[in-house]
Amino acid sequence: MSVNNIEQVLAQMRTIRIQAAGSPELPDPAVQNVSFSNLLKQSIDTVNQTQVQANEMKQAFELGRDDVNLSEVMIAVQKSSLSFEAMLQVRNKLIDAYKEVMNMPI
């Protein structure tokens, strides 16, 4: 896996995160000087926040609150599931890239 592929995946994750947050415009990559570790931590935090929100909505629906309907709960659960699966795939690609680098002859 090349660095360009990783950068493309990260760019897609940023775009999805921005779209999920409802921001109308994309940030300029030249303006932001974000380290890889900070970006990865932010992505993990976003996935965690999505999962927490979905669990809260499920609990509210199970308790019978009137302000939460089933379709909203199902959409939140699916978003949570998809974001976790995407994060898992990124993790797998990063591990593959790490293994590839570690197996390179010096």
Protein backbone atom coordinates (compact mmCIF):
# COMPACT_ATOMS: atom_id res chain seq x y z
CA MET A 1 0.00 0.00 0.00
CA SER A 2 1.43 3.33 -0.97
CA VAL A 3 1.39 6.60 0.91
CA ASN A 4 -0.83 8.08 -1.81
CA ASN A 5 -3.50 5.45 -1.14
CA ILE A 6 -3.42 6.22 2.58
CA GLU A 7 -3.71 9.94 1.85
CA GLN A 8 -6.70 9.29 -0.41
CA VAL A 9 -8.44 7.24 2.28
CA LEU A 10 -7.79 9.94 4.86
CA ALA A 11 -9.09 12.62 2.50
CA GLN A 12 -12.26 10.59 2.00
CA MET A 13 -12.66 10.18 5.76
CA ARG A 14 -12.30 13.95 6.22
CA THR A 15 -14.92 14.60 3.56
CA ILE A 16 -17.35 12.11 5.10
CA ARG A 17 -16.78 13.58 8.57
CA ILE A 18 -17.49 17.08 7.28
CA GLN A 19 -20.60 15.94 5.46
CA ALA A 20 -21.85 14.09 8.53
CA ALA A 21 -21.30 17.19 10.66
CA GLY A 22 -23.30 19.26 8.19
CA SER A 23 -20.54 21.72 7.30
CA PRO A 24 -21.23 23.22 3.87
CA GLU A 25 -17.64 23.80 2.81
CA LEU A 26 -14.48 21.74 2.79
CA PRO A 27 -11.44 22.97 4.71
CA ASP A 28 -8.44 24.07 2.68
CA PRO A 29 -5.68 21.46 3.22
CA ALA A 30 -2.99 24.13 2.81
CA VAL A 31 -4.42 26.12 5.71
CA GLN A 32 -4.52 23.22 8.13
CA ASN A 33 -1.25 21.76 9.34
CA VAL A 34 -2.46 18.64 11.12
CA SER A 35 -0.23 15.74 12.08
CA PHE A 36 -1.18 12.22 11.15
CA SER A 37 -1.58 11.13 14.75
CA ASN A 38 -3.92 14.05 15.52
CA LEU A 39 -5.99 13.30 12.43
CA LEU A 40 -6.24 9.64 13.36
CA LYS A 41 -7.23 10.50 16.93
CA GLN A 42 -9.90 12.91 15.69
CA SER A 43 -11.30 10.23 13.38
CA ILE A 44 -11.43 7.70 16.20
CA ASP A 45 -13.07 10.25 18.49
CA THR A 46 -15.67 10.99 15.81
CA VAL A 47 -16.48 7.30 15.42
CA ASN A 48 -16.74 6.96 19.19
CA GLN A 49 -19.04 9.98 19.40
CA THR A 50 -21.25 8.50 16.67
CA GLN A 51 -21.48 5.22 18.57
CA VAL A 52 -22.30 6.94 21.86
CA GLN A 53 -25.00 9.02 20.18
CA ALA A 54 -26.53 5.92 18.56
CA ASN A 55 -26.54 4.08 21.89
CA GLU A 56 -28.20 7.04 23.62
CA MET A 57 -30.86 7.16 20.92
CA LYS A 58 -31.47 3.40 21.23
CA GLN A 59 -31.83 3.70 24.99
CA ALA A 60 -34.19 6.67 24.67
CA PHE A 61 -36.35 4.75 22.19
CA GLU A 62 -36.40 1.68 24.44
CA LEU A 63 -37.51 3.83 27.35
CA GLY A 64 -40.40 5.10 25.26
CA ARG A 65 -39.49 8.77 24.90
CA ASP A 66 -41.77 10.54 22.46
CA ASP A 67 -39.10 12.73 20.85
CA VAL A 68 -37.23 9.73 19.33
CA ASN A 69 -38.71 7.66 16.54
CA LEU A 70 -37.60 4.32 15.17
CA SER A 71 -36.37 5.59 11.81
CA GLU A 72 -34.02 8.11 13.45
CA VAL A 73 -32.66 5.38 15.73
CA MET A 74 -32.08 2.98 12.83
CA ILE A 75 -30.31 5.66 10.79
CA ALA A 76 -28.06 6.57 13.72
CA VAL A 77 -27.21 2.90 14.32
CA GLN A 78 -26.39 2.38 10.64
CA LYS A 79 -24.18 5.50 10.57
CA SER A 80 -22.42 4.22 13.64
CA SER A 81 -21.90 0.81 12.11
CA LEU A 82 -20.62 2.20 8.81
CA SER A 83 -18.21 4.60 10.46
CA PHE A 84 -16.83 1.80 12.64
CA GLU A 85 -16.40 -0.49 9.62
CA ALA A 86 -14.59 2.30 7.73
CA MET A 87 -12.29 2.90 10.69
CA LEU A 88 -11.62 -0.84 10.91
CA GLN A 89 -10.66 -0.97 7.23
CA VAL A 90 -8.31 2.00 7.63
CA ARG A 91 -6.73 0.26 10.62
CA ASN A 92 -6.26 -2.91 8.57
CA LYS A 93 -4.62 -0.96 5.74
CA LEU A 94 -2.32 0.82 8.18
CA ILE A 95 -1.28 -2.50 9.70
CA ASP A 96 -0.62 -3.92 6.25
CA ALA A 97 1.49 -0.89 5.37
CA TYR A 98 3.41 -1.20 8.64
CA LYS A 99 4.11 -4.89 7.98
CA GLU A 100 5.24 -4.08 4.47
CA VAL A 101 7.66 -1.44 5.72
CA MET A 102 8.98 -3.74 8.45
CA ASN A 103 9.63 -6.52 5.93
CA MET A 104 11.63 -4.29 3.58
CA PRO A 105 15.26 -5.30 3.30
CA ILE A 106 17.75 -2.71 4.45
